[in-house]
Amino acid sequence: MSRVTLLAVVVMCLIMLWCSGCPPPTTGGEGTTTVKEQRTDIQADATSGLTVEQKNISKRLLTDNKVGSIKHLYVISPYSGEVIMYSTVAGKVTSSGKRLKPFLAVPNWNNEATAVESLQEDGTYGHSGEYVYWWDTKDVYHQHYLTGGEIVHVSDQPLAVQSVGINLNNTK
């Protein structure tokens, strides 16, 4: 990494740290008010100590990463409600933005790289979006770009649908 790039990264990190202490935005004009952060105490389950949201995230991670699992992917038209594509999914659907290594790392005092990006709960770096990809039960690779004109639904059980426009499981 060049010194200019390293300097740019350090400056960006310092700006982010400085801005994290910035006051919240205010509305302009007469009757100017300051928006304040609101906190609510949420009841946790007495047995697990987790909130409902934490349980959902934990259960999703366990379901998504269950070895040998089969899921079912449906692409649904938001205009007609018809299923325009169906595929089995061996394992899970993965977003194109996911990676095994951090995108940005800066050298530390002993010249080893320190990740600026945090490792996520599923053991990856990156974000979801752009397109999803998966392998079906016949080990056929599929890649699907997400646009505004469709609804993508993934389930661990097949859905009862009237018809399917494209059935990727019928390919040889």
C-alpha atoms as a PDB file:
ATOM      1  CA  MET A   1       0.000   0.000   0.000  1.00  0.00           C
ATOM      2  CA  SER A   2       1.444   3.364  -0.983  1.00  0.00           C
ATOM      3  CA  ARG A   3       1.994   6.104   1.588  1.00  0.00           C
ATOM      4  CA  VAL A   4      -0.583   8.304  -0.146  1.00  0.00           C
ATOM      5  CA  THR A   5      -3.203   5.542   0.075  1.00  0.00           C
ATOM      6  CA  LEU A   6      -2.311   4.855   3.698  1.00  0.00           C
ATOM      7  CA  LEU A   7      -2.567   8.554   4.521  1.00  0.00           C
ATOM      8  CA  ALA A   8      -5.980   8.739   2.812  1.00  0.00           C
ATOM      9  CA  VAL A   9      -7.217   5.757   4.834  1.00  0.00           C
ATOM     10  CA  VAL A  10      -5.961   7.244   8.098  1.00  0.00           C
ATOM     11  CA  VAL A  11      -7.592  10.621   7.300  1.00  0.00           C
ATOM     12  CA  MET A  12     -10.900   8.878   6.455  1.00  0.00           C
ATOM     13  CA  CYS A  13     -10.767   6.920   9.722  1.00  0.00           C
ATOM     14  CA  LEU A  14     -10.051  10.079  11.730  1.00  0.00           C
ATOM     15  CA  ILE A  15     -12.946  11.899  10.045  1.00  0.00           C
ATOM     16  CA  MET A  16     -15.286   8.980  10.835  1.00  0.00           C
ATOM     17  CA  LEU A  17     -14.151   8.957  14.468  1.00  0.00           C
ATOM     18  CA  TRP A  18     -14.549  12.729  14.726  1.00  0.00           C
ATOM     19  CA  CYS A  19     -18.031  12.617  13.126  1.00  0.00           C
ATOM     20  CA  SER A  20     -19.182   9.892  15.509  1.00  0.00           C
ATOM     21  CA  GLY A  21     -19.031  12.522  18.229  1.00  0.00           C
ATOM     22  CA  CYS A  22     -20.903  15.128  16.177  1.00  0.00           C
ATOM     23  CA  PRO A  23     -24.211  16.441  17.531  1.00  0.00           C
ATOM     24  CA  PRO A  24     -27.392  15.108  15.900  1.00  0.00           C
ATOM     25  CA  PRO A  25     -28.934  17.084  13.029  1.00  0.00           C
ATOM     26  CA  THR A  26     -31.372  19.902  13.785  1.00  0.00           C
ATOM     27  CA  THR A  27     -34.317  21.258  11.840  1.00  0.00           C
ATOM     28  CA  GLY A  28     -34.021  24.781  10.523  1.00  0.00           C
ATOM     29  CA  GLY A  29     -36.291  27.807  10.745  1.00  0.00           C
ATOM     30  CA  GLU A  30     -38.574  28.946  13.545  1.00  0.00           C
ATOM     31  CA  GLY A  31     -39.090  26.495  16.360  1.00  0.00           C
ATOM     32  CA  THR A  32     -35.752  24.817  15.776  1.00  0.00           C
ATOM     33  CA  THR A  33     -35.562  21.533  17.647  1.00  0.00           C
ATOM     34  CA  THR A  34     -32.826  19.045  18.206  1.00  0.00           C
ATOM     35  CA  VAL A  35     -33.515  15.403  17.417  1.00  0.00           C
ATOM     36  CA  LYS A  36     -32.591  13.214  20.369  1.00  0.00           C
ATOM     37  CA  GLU A  37     -31.850   9.534  20.447  1.00  0.00           C
ATOM     38  CA  GLN A  38     -34.679   7.499  21.949  1.00  0.00           C
ATOM     39  CA  ARG A  39     -34.002   4.356  23.974  1.00  0.00           C
ATOM     40  CA  THR A  40     -36.470   1.721  25.055  1.00  0.00           C
ATOM     41  CA  ASP A  41     -35.958  -1.137  27.459  1.00  0.00           C
ATOM     42  CA  ILE A  42     -36.797  -4.386  25.685  1.00  0.00           C
ATOM     43  CA  GLN A  43     -37.749  -7.501  27.599  1.00  0.00           C
ATOM     44  CA  ALA A  44     -35.375 -10.430  27.088  1.00  0.00           C
ATOM     45  CA  ASP A  45     -36.401 -14.070  27.294  1.00  0.00           C
ATOM     46  CA  ALA A  46     -35.823 -15.303  30.865  1.00  0.00           C
ATOM     47  CA  THR A  47     -34.290 -18.603  29.701  1.00  0.00           C
ATOM     48  CA  SER A  48     -31.951 -17.481  26.904  1.00  0.00           C
ATOM     49  CA  GLY A  49     -31.404 -13.843  27.880  1.00  0.00           C
ATOM     50  CA  LEU A  50     -32.023 -12.861  24.238  1.00  0.00           C
ATOM     51  CA  THR A  51     -34.553 -10.453  22.752  1.00  0.00           C
ATOM     52  CA  VAL A  52     -36.920 -11.694  20.049  1.00  0.00           C
ATOM     53  CA  GLU A  53     -34.804  -9.899  17.420  1.00  0.00           C
ATOM     54  CA  GLN A  54     -31.609 -11.556  18.700  1.00  0.00           C
ATOM     55  CA  LYS A  55     -33.344 -14.953  18.625  1.00  0.00           C
ATOM     56  CA  ASN A  56     -34.476 -14.357  15.028  1.00  0.00           C
ATOM     57  CA  ILE A  57     -30.969 -13.404  13.889  1.00  0.00           C
ATOM     58  CA  SER A  58     -29.440 -16.386  15.681  1.00  0.00           C
ATOM     59  CA  LYS A  59     -32.021 -18.790  14.232  1.00  0.00           C
ATOM     60  CA  ARG A  60     -31.529 -17.358  10.699  1.00  0.00           C
ATOM     61  CA  LEU A  61     -27.754 -17.840  10.943  1.00  0.00           C
ATOM     62  CA  LEU A  62     -28.227 -21.426  12.137  1.00  0.00           C
ATOM     63  CA  THR A  63     -30.775 -22.161   9.382  1.00  0.00           C
ATOM     64  CA  ASP A  64     -28.661 -20.503   6.660  1.00  0.00           C
ATOM     65  CA  ASN A  65     -25.557 -22.441   7.621  1.00  0.00           C
ATOM     66  CA  LYS A  66     -27.049 -25.883   8.318  1.00  0.00           C
ATOM     67  CA  VAL A  67     -24.760 -28.365   6.559  1.00  0.00           C
ATOM     68  CA  GLY A  68     -26.569 -30.348   3.847  1.00  0.00           C
ATOM     69  CA  SER A  69     -29.689 -28.168   3.901  1.00  0.00           C
ATOM     70  CA  ILE A  70     -31.880 -27.691   0.837  1.00  0.00           C
ATOM     71  CA  LYS A  71     -33.758 -24.453   0.257  1.00  0.00           C
ATOM     72  CA  HIS A  72     -36.194 -23.296  -2.422  1.00  0.00           C
ATOM     73  CA  LEU A  73     -35.808 -20.022  -4.332  1.00  0.00           C
ATOM     74  CA  TYR A  74     -38.729 -18.326  -6.044  1.00  0.00           C
ATOM     75  CA  VAL A  75     -38.611 -15.186  -8.173  1.00  0.00           C
ATOM     76  CA  ILE A  76     -42.070 -13.619  -8.090  1.00  0.00           C
ATOM     77  CA  SER A  77     -43.418 -10.875 -10.327  1.00  0.00           C
ATOM     78  CA  PRO A  78     -44.589  -7.960  -8.158  1.00  0.00           C
ATOM     79  CA  TYR A  79     -47.122  -7.072 -10.890  1.00  0.00           C
ATOM     80  CA  SER A  80     -48.882 -10.405 -11.414  1.00  0.00           C
ATOM     81  CA  GLY A  81     -47.829 -12.417  -8.365  1.00  0.00           C
ATOM     82  CA  GLU A  82     -46.763 -15.233 -10.692  1.00  0.00           C
ATOM     83  CA  VAL A  83     -43.657 -17.272  -9.993  1.00  0.00           C
ATOM     84  CA  ILE A  84     -41.375 -16.542 -12.943  1.00  0.00           C
ATOM     85  CA  MET A  85     -38.455 -18.712 -11.785  1.00  0.00           C
ATOM     86  CA  TYR A  86     -37.903 -21.541  -9.314  1.00  0.00           C
ATOM     87  CA  SER A  87     -34.765 -23.322  -8.182  1.00  0.00           C
ATOM     88  CA  THR A  88     -33.610 -25.529  -5.374  1.00  0.00           C
ATOM     89  CA  VAL A  89     -30.659 -24.190  -3.422  1.00  0.00           C
ATOM     90  CA  ALA A  90     -28.012 -26.493  -1.966  1.00  0.00           C
ATOM     91  CA  GLY A  91     -26.891 -24.771   1.236  1.00  0.00           C
ATOM     92  CA  LYS A  92     -27.760 -21.081   0.962  1.00  0.00           C
ATOM     93  CA  VAL A  93     -28.069 -18.140  -1.414  1.00  0.00           C
ATOM     94  CA  THR A  94     -25.059 -15.817  -1.163  1.00  0.00           C
ATOM     95  CA  SER A  95     -24.787 -12.140  -2.148  1.00  0.00           C
ATOM     96  CA  SER A  96     -22.114 -10.986  -4.584  1.00  0.00           C
ATOM     97  CA  GLY A  97     -20.739  -8.453  -2.090  1.00  0.00           C
ATOM     98  CA  LYS A  98     -19.681 -11.107   0.447  1.00  0.00           C
ATOM     99  CA  ARG A  99     -15.959 -11.877   0.829  1.00  0.00           C
ATOM    100  CA  LEU A 100     -13.656 -14.042   2.925  1.00  0.00           C
ATOM    101  CA  LYS A 101     -11.132 -11.257   3.542  1.00  0.00           C
ATOM    102  CA  PRO A 102     -11.631  -7.596   4.477  1.00  0.00           C
ATOM    103  CA  PHE A 103     -11.726  -5.128   1.604  1.00  0.00           C
ATOM    104  CA  LEU A 104      -9.635  -2.570   3.442  1.00  0.00           C
ATOM    105  CA  ALA A 105      -6.721  -3.228   5.784  1.00  0.00           C
ATOM    106  CA  VAL A 106      -4.058  -0.830   7.044  1.00  0.00           C
ATOM    107  CA  PRO A 107      -0.571  -1.781   8.236  1.00  0.00           C
ATOM    108  CA  ASN A 108       0.001  -1.462  11.976  1.00  0.00           C
ATOM    109  CA  TRP A 109       3.198  -0.768  13.933  1.00  0.00           C
ATOM    110  CA  ASN A 110       4.744  -4.210  13.211  1.00  0.00           C
ATOM    111  CA  ASN A 111       3.806  -3.986   9.504  1.00  0.00           C
ATOM    112  CA  GLU A 112       0.986  -6.525   9.719  1.00  0.00           C
ATOM    113  CA  ALA A 113      -2.369  -5.602   8.217  1.00  0.00           C
ATOM    114  CA  THR A 114      -5.198  -4.645  10.550  1.00  0.00           C
ATOM    115  CA  ALA A 115      -8.704  -4.939   9.114  1.00  0.00           C
ATOM    116  CA  VAL A 116     -10.734  -1.753   9.080  1.00  0.00           C
ATOM    117  CA  GLU A 117     -13.822  -3.813   8.268  1.00  0.00           C
ATOM    118  CA  SER A 118     -15.338  -6.111  10.901  1.00  0.00           C
ATOM    119  CA  LEU A 119     -15.904  -9.838  10.518  1.00  0.00           C
ATOM    120  CA  GLN A 120     -19.642 -10.507  10.460  1.00  0.00           C
ATOM    121  CA  GLU A 121     -21.533 -13.184  12.374  1.00  0.00           C
ATOM    122  CA  ASP A 122     -21.560 -15.547   9.394  1.00  0.00           C
ATOM    123  CA  GLY A 123     -17.757 -15.442   9.098  1.00  0.00           C
ATOM    124  CA  THR A 124     -17.650 -13.141   6.058  1.00  0.00           C
ATOM    125  CA  TYR A 125     -16.901  -9.536   5.208  1.00  0.00           C
ATOM    126  CA  GLY A 126     -18.864  -7.314   2.864  1.00  0.00           C
ATOM    127  CA  HIS A 127     -22.459  -6.444   2.162  1.00  0.00           C
ATOM    128  CA  SER A 128     -25.500  -7.979   0.542  1.00  0.00           C
ATOM    129  CA  GLY A 129     -26.798  -6.805  -2.781  1.00  0.00           C
ATOM    130  CA  GLU A 130     -26.190  -6.542  -6.526  1.00  0.00           C
ATOM    131  CA  TYR A 131     -26.807 -10.209  -7.235  1.00  0.00           C
ATOM    132  CA  VAL A 132     -27.262 -13.475  -5.408  1.00  0.00           C
ATOM    133  CA  TYR A 133     -25.748 -16.816  -6.326  1.00  0.00           C
ATOM    134  CA  TRP A 134     -26.241 -20.437  -5.365  1.00  0.00           C
ATOM    135  CA  TRP A 135     -25.786 -24.044  -6.403  1.00  0.00           C
ATOM    136  CA  ASP A 136     -28.886 -26.180  -6.804  1.00  0.00           C
ATOM    137  CA  THR A 137     -29.262 -29.799  -5.725  1.00  0.00           C
ATOM    138  CA  LYS A 138     -27.776 -30.943  -9.040  1.00  0.00           C
ATOM    139  CA  ASP A 139     -24.705 -28.776  -8.290  1.00  0.00           C
ATOM    140  CA  VAL A 140     -25.616 -26.323 -11.082  1.00  0.00           C
ATOM    141  CA  TYR A 141     -24.406 -22.779 -10.416  1.00  0.00           C
ATOM    142  CA  HIS A 142     -26.977 -19.965 -10.686  1.00  0.00           C
ATOM    143  CA  GLN A 143     -26.482 -16.194 -10.531  1.00  0.00           C
ATOM    144  CA  HIS A 144     -29.418 -13.810 -10.333  1.00  0.00           C
ATOM    145  CA  TYR A 145     -29.210 -10.032 -10.592  1.00  0.00           C
ATOM    146  CA  LEU A 146     -31.627  -8.156  -8.354  1.00  0.00           C
ATOM    147  CA  THR A 147     -33.667  -5.419  -9.994  1.00  0.00           C
ATOM    148  CA  GLY A 148     -36.700  -3.418  -8.967  1.00  0.00           C
ATOM    149  CA  GLY A 149     -39.183  -5.565 -10.892  1.00  0.00           C
ATOM    150  CA  GLU A 150     -39.150  -8.797  -8.903  1.00  0.00           C
ATOM    151  CA  ILE A 151     -39.553 -10.334  -5.497  1.00  0.00           C
ATOM    152  CA  VAL A 152     -37.003 -12.981  -4.455  1.00  0.00           C
ATOM    153  CA  HIS A 153     -38.224 -15.472  -1.872  1.00  0.00           C
ATOM    154  CA  VAL A 154     -36.041 -18.182  -0.297  1.00  0.00           C
ATOM    155  CA  SER A 155     -37.555 -20.872   1.909  1.00  0.00           C
ATOM    156  CA  ASP A 156     -36.376 -24.085   3.533  1.00  0.00           C
ATOM    157  CA  GLN A 157     -39.666 -25.716   2.446  1.00  0.00           C
ATOM    158  CA  PRO A 158     -41.225 -25.778  -1.047  1.00  0.00           C
ATOM    159  CA  LEU A 159     -44.186 -23.472  -1.645  1.00  0.00           C
ATOM    160  CA  ALA A 160     -47.436 -24.528  -3.313  1.00  0.00           C
ATOM    161  CA  VAL A 161     -47.570 -22.369  -6.446  1.00  0.00           C
ATOM    162  CA  GLN A 162     -49.892 -22.551  -9.460  1.00  0.00           C
ATOM    163  CA  SER A 163     -47.186 -22.517 -12.142  1.00  0.00           C
ATOM    164  CA  VAL A 164     -43.559 -21.645 -12.732  1.00  0.00           C
ATOM    165  CA  GLY A 165     -42.322 -19.736 -15.802  1.00  0.00           C
ATOM    166  CA  ILE A 166     -38.746 -21.078 -15.639  1.00  0.00           C
ATOM    167  CA  ASN A 167     -37.931 -24.154 -13.582  1.00  0.00           C
ATOM    168  CA  LEU A 168     -34.152 -24.397 -13.247  1.00  0.00           C
ATOM    169  CA  ASN A 169     -34.428 -27.901 -11.781  1.00  0.00           C
ATOM    170  CA  ASN A 170     -35.589 -29.246 -15.154  1.00  0.00           C
ATOM    171  CA  THR A 171     -32.198 -28.509 -16.759  1.00  0.00           C
ATOM    172  CA  LYS A 172     -29.856 -31.386 -17.498  1.00  0.00           C
END
